[in-house]
N, C-alpha and C. Protein backbone atom coordinates (compact mmCIF):
# COMPACT_ATOMS: atom_id res chain seq x y z
N MET A 1 174.75 -33.10 -46.48
CA MET A 1 173.70 -34.03 -46.12
C MET A 1 172.40 -33.57 -46.77
N PRO A 2 171.67 -34.47 -47.43
CA PRO A 2 170.42 -34.07 -48.07
C PRO A 2 169.37 -33.67 -47.03
N GLU A 3 168.48 -32.80 -47.44
CA GLU A 3 167.38 -32.40 -46.56
C GLU A 3 166.18 -33.29 -46.85
N PHE A 4 165.56 -33.79 -45.79
CA PHE A 4 164.41 -34.67 -45.92
C PHE A 4 163.19 -34.01 -45.29
N GLU A 5 162.04 -34.38 -45.81
CA GLU A 5 160.76 -33.89 -45.30
C GLU A 5 160.13 -34.97 -44.43
N PRO A 6 159.92 -34.71 -43.13
CA PRO A 6 159.30 -35.72 -42.28
C PRO A 6 157.84 -35.95 -42.67
N GLN A 7 157.39 -37.20 -42.59
CA GLN A 7 155.99 -37.53 -42.86
C GLN A 7 155.11 -37.33 -41.63
N ASN A 8 155.74 -37.29 -40.48
CA ASN A 8 155.02 -37.10 -39.23
C ASN A 8 155.35 -35.71 -38.68
N PRO A 9 154.38 -34.80 -38.65
CA PRO A 9 154.67 -33.47 -38.12
C PRO A 9 155.06 -33.49 -36.64
N GLU A 10 154.73 -34.57 -35.95
CA GLU A 10 155.05 -34.73 -34.52
C GLU A 10 156.24 -35.66 -34.33
N TYR A 11 157.14 -35.72 -35.30
CA TYR A 11 158.25 -36.69 -35.25
C TYR A 11 159.14 -36.50 -34.01
N GLU A 12 159.38 -35.26 -33.61
CA GLU A 12 160.27 -35.03 -32.45
C GLU A 12 159.63 -35.58 -31.17
N LYS A 13 158.36 -35.32 -31.00
CA LYS A 13 157.63 -35.84 -29.84
C LYS A 13 157.63 -37.37 -29.85
N ALA A 14 157.39 -37.97 -31.01
CA ALA A 14 157.37 -39.43 -31.13
C ALA A 14 158.72 -40.03 -30.74
N ILE A 15 159.80 -39.40 -31.19
CA ILE A 15 161.15 -39.90 -30.87
C ILE A 15 161.42 -39.77 -29.37
N ARG A 16 161.09 -38.63 -28.80
CA ARG A 16 161.33 -38.43 -27.36
C ARG A 16 160.54 -39.44 -26.52
N GLU A 17 159.28 -39.68 -26.89
CA GLU A 17 158.46 -40.66 -26.16
C GLU A 17 159.03 -42.07 -26.30
N SER A 18 159.46 -42.43 -27.51
CA SER A 18 160.03 -43.75 -27.74
C SER A 18 161.34 -43.92 -26.96
N PHE A 19 162.18 -42.89 -27.00
CA PHE A 19 163.46 -42.96 -26.30
C PHE A 19 163.25 -43.16 -24.80
N GLU A 20 162.26 -42.50 -24.24
CA GLU A 20 161.97 -42.65 -22.80
C GLU A 20 161.55 -44.07 -22.45
N LYS A 21 160.98 -44.81 -23.40
CA LYS A 21 160.56 -46.19 -23.17
C LYS A 21 161.71 -47.18 -23.35
N GLN A 22 162.80 -46.71 -23.90
CA GLN A 22 163.92 -47.61 -24.21
C GLN A 22 164.79 -47.78 -22.97
N SER A 23 164.50 -48.80 -22.19
CA SER A 23 165.16 -48.96 -20.90
C SER A 23 166.67 -49.19 -21.02
N LEU A 24 167.15 -49.73 -22.11
CA LEU A 24 168.59 -49.91 -22.26
C LEU A 24 169.31 -48.57 -22.28
N MET A 25 168.78 -47.61 -23.04
CA MET A 25 169.41 -46.29 -23.10
C MET A 25 169.33 -45.60 -21.73
N GLN A 26 168.23 -45.81 -21.00
CA GLN A 26 168.10 -45.24 -19.66
C GLN A 26 169.13 -45.87 -18.72
N THR A 27 169.30 -47.18 -18.82
CA THR A 27 170.28 -47.89 -18.00
C THR A 27 171.69 -47.38 -18.28
N PHE A 28 172.00 -47.15 -19.53
CA PHE A 28 173.32 -46.63 -19.92
C PHE A 28 173.52 -45.19 -19.45
N GLY A 29 172.44 -44.43 -19.31
CA GLY A 29 172.55 -43.00 -18.99
C GLY A 29 172.65 -42.13 -20.24
N ALA A 30 172.21 -42.66 -21.38
CA ALA A 30 172.28 -41.92 -22.65
C ALA A 30 171.21 -40.84 -22.70
N LYS A 31 171.52 -39.76 -23.41
CA LYS A 31 170.59 -38.63 -23.55
C LYS A 31 170.47 -38.22 -25.01
N LEU A 32 169.25 -37.90 -25.43
CA LEU A 32 169.03 -37.30 -26.75
C LEU A 32 169.55 -35.87 -26.72
N VAL A 33 170.40 -35.54 -27.67
CA VAL A 33 170.98 -34.19 -27.71
C VAL A 33 170.31 -33.35 -28.78
N SER A 34 170.09 -33.94 -29.96
CA SER A 34 169.42 -33.18 -31.02
C SER A 34 168.64 -34.12 -31.93
N ILE A 35 167.55 -33.57 -32.46
CA ILE A 35 166.67 -34.29 -33.36
C ILE A 35 166.34 -33.35 -34.51
N ALA A 36 166.57 -33.82 -35.73
CA ALA A 36 166.20 -33.09 -36.94
C ALA A 36 165.75 -34.12 -37.96
N PRO A 37 165.04 -33.71 -39.01
CA PRO A 37 164.61 -34.69 -40.01
C PRO A 37 165.81 -35.45 -40.59
N GLY A 38 165.84 -36.76 -40.33
CA GLY A 38 166.90 -37.61 -40.86
C GLY A 38 168.19 -37.60 -40.06
N GLU A 39 168.21 -36.92 -38.91
CA GLU A 39 169.43 -36.84 -38.10
C GLU A 39 169.12 -36.82 -36.61
N VAL A 40 169.86 -37.64 -35.86
CA VAL A 40 169.70 -37.68 -34.40
C VAL A 40 171.08 -37.82 -33.77
N VAL A 41 171.28 -37.11 -32.66
CA VAL A 41 172.52 -37.22 -31.90
C VAL A 41 172.18 -37.65 -30.48
N ILE A 42 172.92 -38.66 -30.01
CA ILE A 42 172.78 -39.16 -28.64
C ILE A 42 174.14 -39.08 -27.97
N GLU A 43 174.15 -38.63 -26.72
CA GLU A 43 175.39 -38.59 -25.95
C GLU A 43 175.31 -39.56 -24.78
N LEU A 44 176.48 -40.08 -24.44
CA LEU A 44 176.58 -41.03 -23.33
C LEU A 44 177.79 -40.69 -22.50
N PRO A 45 177.60 -40.30 -21.23
CA PRO A 45 178.75 -40.07 -20.37
C PRO A 45 179.42 -41.41 -20.04
N LYS A 46 180.74 -41.39 -19.98
CA LYS A 46 181.46 -42.62 -19.62
C LYS A 46 181.21 -42.93 -18.16
N ARG A 47 180.86 -44.19 -17.92
CA ARG A 47 180.69 -44.69 -16.55
C ARG A 47 181.44 -46.00 -16.47
N GLU A 48 182.08 -46.24 -15.35
CA GLU A 48 182.92 -47.44 -15.17
C GLU A 48 182.14 -48.73 -15.48
N VAL A 49 180.87 -48.75 -15.14
CA VAL A 49 180.05 -49.96 -15.34
C VAL A 49 179.86 -50.29 -16.83
N LEU A 50 180.14 -49.34 -17.73
CA LEU A 50 179.97 -49.54 -19.17
C LEU A 50 181.29 -49.86 -19.89
N THR A 51 182.35 -50.07 -19.12
CA THR A 51 183.66 -50.30 -19.74
C THR A 51 184.00 -51.79 -19.82
N GLN A 52 184.99 -52.07 -20.65
CA GLN A 52 185.52 -53.43 -20.73
C GLN A 52 186.78 -53.52 -19.87
N GLN A 53 187.49 -54.63 -19.98
CA GLN A 53 188.60 -54.93 -19.07
C GLN A 53 189.77 -53.95 -19.14
N HIS A 54 189.91 -53.17 -20.20
CA HIS A 54 191.00 -52.21 -20.33
C HIS A 54 190.57 -50.78 -19.96
N GLY A 55 189.30 -50.64 -19.57
CA GLY A 55 188.82 -49.32 -19.16
C GLY A 55 188.20 -48.51 -20.29
N TYR A 56 188.15 -49.06 -21.50
CA TYR A 56 187.51 -48.37 -22.62
C TYR A 56 186.02 -48.66 -22.60
N LEU A 57 185.25 -47.76 -23.17
CA LEU A 57 183.81 -48.01 -23.32
C LEU A 57 183.63 -49.29 -24.14
N HIS A 58 182.78 -50.18 -23.69
CA HIS A 58 182.59 -51.48 -24.32
C HIS A 58 182.01 -51.34 -25.73
N ALA A 59 182.50 -52.15 -26.65
CA ALA A 59 182.05 -52.11 -28.05
C ALA A 59 180.53 -52.34 -28.16
N GLY A 60 179.98 -53.19 -27.32
CA GLY A 60 178.54 -53.44 -27.35
C GLY A 60 177.74 -52.21 -26.96
N VAL A 61 178.26 -51.43 -26.04
CA VAL A 61 177.61 -50.19 -25.63
C VAL A 61 177.66 -49.18 -26.77
N ILE A 62 178.84 -49.03 -27.37
CA ILE A 62 179.00 -48.11 -28.50
C ILE A 62 178.02 -48.47 -29.61
N THR A 63 177.97 -49.75 -29.94
CA THR A 63 177.10 -50.23 -31.01
C THR A 63 175.63 -49.95 -30.71
N ALA A 64 175.21 -50.21 -29.48
CA ALA A 64 173.81 -49.98 -29.11
C ALA A 64 173.43 -48.51 -29.23
N VAL A 65 174.33 -47.62 -28.84
CA VAL A 65 174.02 -46.19 -28.89
C VAL A 65 173.97 -45.69 -30.34
N ILE A 66 174.91 -46.13 -31.17
CA ILE A 66 174.86 -45.73 -32.59
C ILE A 66 173.62 -46.31 -33.26
N ASP A 67 173.29 -47.55 -32.96
CA ASP A 67 172.10 -48.19 -33.53
C ASP A 67 170.85 -47.37 -33.17
N SER A 68 170.76 -46.92 -31.94
CA SER A 68 169.61 -46.11 -31.52
C SER A 68 169.59 -44.76 -32.24
N ALA A 69 170.75 -44.12 -32.38
CA ALA A 69 170.79 -42.83 -33.09
C ALA A 69 170.32 -43.00 -34.54
N CYS A 70 170.77 -44.07 -35.18
CA CYS A 70 170.35 -44.31 -36.57
C CYS A 70 168.87 -44.68 -36.65
N GLY A 71 168.42 -45.50 -35.73
CA GLY A 71 167.00 -45.88 -35.72
C GLY A 71 166.10 -44.67 -35.56
N TYR A 72 166.46 -43.78 -34.66
CA TYR A 72 165.64 -42.59 -34.46
C TYR A 72 165.77 -41.60 -35.61
N ALA A 73 166.93 -41.57 -36.27
CA ALA A 73 167.05 -40.73 -37.48
C ALA A 73 166.05 -41.23 -38.53
N ALA A 74 165.96 -42.57 -38.67
CA ALA A 74 165.00 -43.14 -39.62
C ALA A 74 163.56 -42.86 -39.18
N LEU A 75 163.28 -43.02 -37.89
CA LEU A 75 161.92 -42.79 -37.39
C LEU A 75 161.47 -41.35 -37.65
N SER A 76 162.40 -40.43 -37.65
CA SER A 76 162.04 -39.02 -37.89
C SER A 76 161.42 -38.79 -39.27
N LEU A 77 161.62 -39.73 -40.19
CA LEU A 77 161.10 -39.59 -41.56
C LEU A 77 159.92 -40.52 -41.84
N MET A 78 159.56 -41.37 -40.88
CA MET A 78 158.50 -42.36 -41.09
C MET A 78 157.12 -41.77 -40.82
N PRO A 79 156.07 -42.39 -41.41
CA PRO A 79 154.70 -41.95 -41.12
C PRO A 79 154.38 -42.10 -39.64
N PRO A 80 153.37 -41.37 -39.15
CA PRO A 80 153.06 -41.38 -37.73
C PRO A 80 152.65 -42.73 -37.16
N ASP A 81 152.13 -43.63 -37.95
CA ASP A 81 151.66 -44.92 -37.43
C ASP A 81 152.75 -45.99 -37.47
N ASN A 82 154.02 -45.59 -37.53
CA ASN A 82 155.12 -46.54 -37.62
C ASN A 82 156.04 -46.46 -36.41
N GLU A 83 156.70 -47.58 -36.17
CA GLU A 83 157.79 -47.67 -35.23
C GLU A 83 159.00 -48.13 -36.03
N VAL A 84 160.16 -48.14 -35.41
CA VAL A 84 161.38 -48.50 -36.14
C VAL A 84 162.02 -49.74 -35.51
N LEU A 85 162.54 -50.59 -36.38
CA LEU A 85 163.31 -51.76 -35.96
C LEU A 85 164.57 -51.84 -36.81
N SER A 86 165.64 -52.34 -36.23
CA SER A 86 166.87 -52.55 -36.99
C SER A 86 166.74 -53.85 -37.77
N ALA A 87 167.12 -53.83 -39.05
CA ALA A 87 167.09 -55.04 -39.87
C ALA A 87 168.49 -55.64 -39.99
N GLU A 88 169.49 -54.78 -40.14
CA GLU A 88 170.88 -55.25 -40.22
C GLU A 88 171.80 -54.06 -40.04
N TYR A 89 173.03 -54.38 -39.64
CA TYR A 89 174.05 -53.32 -39.59
C TYR A 89 175.45 -53.91 -39.61
N LYS A 90 176.37 -53.03 -39.93
CA LYS A 90 177.81 -53.34 -39.91
C LYS A 90 178.46 -52.20 -39.16
N ILE A 91 179.40 -52.55 -38.31
CA ILE A 91 180.12 -51.52 -37.57
C ILE A 91 181.62 -51.76 -37.67
N ASN A 92 182.34 -50.69 -37.85
CA ASN A 92 183.80 -50.73 -37.79
C ASN A 92 184.21 -49.95 -36.55
N LEU A 93 184.92 -50.63 -35.65
CA LEU A 93 185.45 -49.97 -34.47
C LEU A 93 186.83 -49.46 -34.85
N LEU A 94 187.00 -48.15 -34.82
CA LEU A 94 188.18 -47.50 -35.37
C LEU A 94 189.27 -47.23 -34.34
N SER A 95 188.85 -47.03 -33.10
CA SER A 95 189.80 -46.65 -32.06
C SER A 95 189.12 -46.85 -30.70
N PRO A 96 189.88 -47.13 -29.64
CA PRO A 96 189.25 -47.27 -28.32
C PRO A 96 188.56 -45.99 -27.88
N ALA A 97 187.40 -46.14 -27.27
CA ALA A 97 186.64 -45.00 -26.74
C ALA A 97 187.10 -44.76 -25.31
N ASP A 98 188.06 -43.85 -25.17
CA ASP A 98 188.68 -43.61 -23.87
C ASP A 98 188.40 -42.21 -23.32
N GLY A 99 187.38 -41.56 -23.86
CA GLY A 99 187.07 -40.19 -23.43
C GLY A 99 186.08 -40.13 -22.28
N GLU A 100 185.68 -38.90 -21.97
CA GLU A 100 184.72 -38.67 -20.90
C GLU A 100 183.28 -38.94 -21.34
N LYS A 101 183.04 -38.84 -22.66
CA LYS A 101 181.70 -39.16 -23.15
C LYS A 101 181.77 -39.62 -24.60
N LEU A 102 180.71 -40.29 -25.02
CA LEU A 102 180.54 -40.76 -26.39
C LEU A 102 179.46 -39.91 -27.05
N ILE A 103 179.71 -39.51 -28.27
CA ILE A 103 178.73 -38.77 -29.06
C ILE A 103 178.41 -39.63 -30.28
N ALA A 104 177.17 -40.06 -30.40
CA ALA A 104 176.74 -40.90 -31.53
C ALA A 104 175.83 -40.08 -32.43
N LYS A 105 176.20 -40.01 -33.70
CA LYS A 105 175.43 -39.24 -34.68
C LYS A 105 174.87 -40.21 -35.71
N GLY A 106 173.55 -40.23 -35.83
CA GLY A 106 172.89 -41.08 -36.82
C GLY A 106 172.25 -40.23 -37.89
N SER A 107 172.35 -40.67 -39.13
CA SER A 107 171.71 -39.93 -40.23
C SER A 107 171.21 -40.90 -41.29
N VAL A 108 170.14 -40.50 -41.95
CA VAL A 108 169.56 -41.28 -43.03
C VAL A 108 170.31 -40.95 -44.31
N ILE A 109 170.75 -41.99 -44.99
CA ILE A 109 171.38 -41.84 -46.30
C ILE A 109 170.32 -41.91 -47.39
N LYS A 110 169.42 -42.92 -47.26
CA LYS A 110 168.38 -43.15 -48.28
C LYS A 110 167.11 -43.63 -47.61
N PRO A 111 166.07 -42.80 -47.58
CA PRO A 111 164.79 -43.26 -47.06
C PRO A 111 164.02 -44.03 -48.13
N GLY A 112 163.24 -44.99 -47.70
CA GLY A 112 162.39 -45.73 -48.62
C GLY A 112 160.99 -45.84 -48.04
N ARG A 113 160.17 -46.66 -48.67
CA ARG A 113 158.82 -46.85 -48.16
C ARG A 113 158.85 -47.68 -46.87
N ARG A 114 159.68 -48.72 -46.83
CA ARG A 114 159.80 -49.59 -45.65
C ARG A 114 161.21 -49.66 -45.10
N LEU A 115 162.21 -49.49 -45.97
CA LEU A 115 163.61 -49.61 -45.55
C LEU A 115 164.31 -48.26 -45.62
N TYR A 116 165.12 -47.99 -44.61
CA TYR A 116 165.86 -46.74 -44.50
C TYR A 116 167.33 -47.09 -44.27
N VAL A 117 168.18 -46.69 -45.19
CA VAL A 117 169.61 -46.95 -45.04
C VAL A 117 170.21 -45.77 -44.27
N CYS A 118 170.95 -46.10 -43.23
CA CYS A 118 171.48 -45.08 -42.32
C CYS A 118 172.98 -45.22 -42.12
N ARG A 119 173.58 -44.10 -41.76
CA ARG A 119 174.99 -44.07 -41.41
C ARG A 119 175.08 -43.52 -39.99
N GLY A 120 176.01 -44.09 -39.24
CA GLY A 120 176.25 -43.61 -37.89
C GLY A 120 177.73 -43.45 -37.64
N ASP A 121 178.07 -42.48 -36.85
CA ASP A 121 179.46 -42.26 -36.44
C ASP A 121 179.48 -41.97 -34.96
N ALA A 122 180.47 -42.53 -34.27
CA ALA A 122 180.62 -42.28 -32.84
C ALA A 122 181.97 -41.64 -32.59
N TYR A 123 181.95 -40.67 -31.70
CA TYR A 123 183.15 -39.92 -31.34
C TYR A 123 183.33 -39.98 -29.83
N SER A 124 184.56 -40.15 -29.40
CA SER A 124 184.89 -40.11 -27.99
C SER A 124 185.43 -38.72 -27.70
N GLU A 125 184.81 -38.04 -26.76
CA GLU A 125 185.24 -36.68 -26.41
C GLU A 125 186.14 -36.73 -25.19
N LYS A 126 187.33 -36.15 -25.35
CA LYS A 126 188.32 -36.16 -24.26
C LYS A 126 189.08 -34.84 -24.29
N ASN A 127 189.13 -34.17 -23.13
CA ASN A 127 189.86 -32.90 -23.00
C ASN A 127 189.46 -31.89 -24.08
N GLY A 128 188.17 -31.85 -24.43
CA GLY A 128 187.66 -30.89 -25.40
C GLY A 128 187.82 -31.29 -26.86
N GLY A 129 188.51 -32.38 -27.14
CA GLY A 129 188.68 -32.85 -28.51
C GLY A 129 187.85 -34.10 -28.78
N GLU A 130 187.60 -34.36 -30.04
CA GLU A 130 186.82 -35.55 -30.44
C GLU A 130 187.70 -36.49 -31.26
N LYS A 131 187.54 -37.79 -30.98
CA LYS A 131 188.23 -38.83 -31.73
C LYS A 131 187.15 -39.75 -32.33
N HIS A 132 187.24 -39.99 -33.63
CA HIS A 132 186.29 -40.88 -34.32
C HIS A 132 186.59 -42.32 -33.89
N VAL A 133 185.62 -42.97 -33.24
CA VAL A 133 185.86 -44.31 -32.70
C VAL A 133 185.07 -45.42 -33.39
N ALA A 134 184.02 -45.07 -34.12
CA ALA A 134 183.23 -46.12 -34.78
C ALA A 134 182.47 -45.55 -35.98
N ALA A 135 182.37 -46.38 -37.02
CA ALA A 135 181.58 -46.07 -38.22
C ALA A 135 180.58 -47.20 -38.41
N PHE A 136 179.33 -46.84 -38.66
CA PHE A 136 178.21 -47.78 -38.68
C PHE A 136 177.42 -47.55 -39.96
N GLN A 137 176.96 -48.62 -40.57
CA GLN A 137 175.97 -48.51 -41.64
C GLN A 137 174.92 -49.57 -41.38
N GLY A 138 173.66 -49.17 -41.48
CA GLY A 138 172.60 -50.12 -41.17
C GLY A 138 171.34 -49.85 -41.96
N THR A 139 170.43 -50.82 -41.89
CA THR A 139 169.13 -50.70 -42.52
C THR A 139 168.08 -50.80 -41.43
N MET A 140 167.21 -49.81 -41.40
CA MET A 140 166.11 -49.75 -40.44
C MET A 140 164.81 -50.04 -41.18
N VAL A 141 163.89 -50.67 -40.47
CA VAL A 141 162.61 -51.06 -41.06
C VAL A 141 161.48 -50.29 -40.39
N ALA A 142 160.58 -49.78 -41.22
CA ALA A 142 159.36 -49.15 -40.72
C ALA A 142 158.37 -50.27 -40.38
N ALA A 143 158.00 -50.37 -39.10
CA ALA A 143 157.07 -51.41 -38.64
C ALA A 143 155.80 -50.73 -38.15
N ARG A 144 154.66 -51.31 -38.46
CA ARG A 144 153.38 -50.76 -38.01
C ARG A 144 153.33 -50.74 -36.50
N ASN A 145 152.85 -49.65 -35.95
CA ASN A 145 152.67 -49.52 -34.51
C ASN A 145 151.61 -50.52 -34.06
N LYS A 146 151.94 -51.32 -33.06
CA LYS A 146 151.01 -52.36 -32.59
C LYS A 146 149.84 -51.82 -31.77
N SER A 147 149.97 -50.61 -31.26
CA SER A 147 148.89 -50.10 -30.39
C SER A 147 147.75 -49.51 -31.19
């Protein structure tokens, strides 16, 4: 993975503050696990309320968590006066998420002035092992902070 130089020396603080405002991630019970320039990991414990009819973690939940991991990976490289928005993404669901928790890893493939191409992968952790359950590619947009 290439090494990137963050434009905001306070990028970790900015990501943590933004994540705390994201009520969807709070509702899901997701937690930020690690933050580095161009890389973010979010974990989500499995809860019955987040499953679909077969007991697997719902695809919409998986997608939202990977999207957030990728968005914050992009935000880690943006200037301090920016926020991040998703512009587009594609997700491949590879296997049912039937573990005790989901681990979503987002990373920047190519940063730009306004657009950041990102890759995300989600793993279902069960009995100490990880199973790759989703692959994501998306474009994040640097948006001026409204405040």
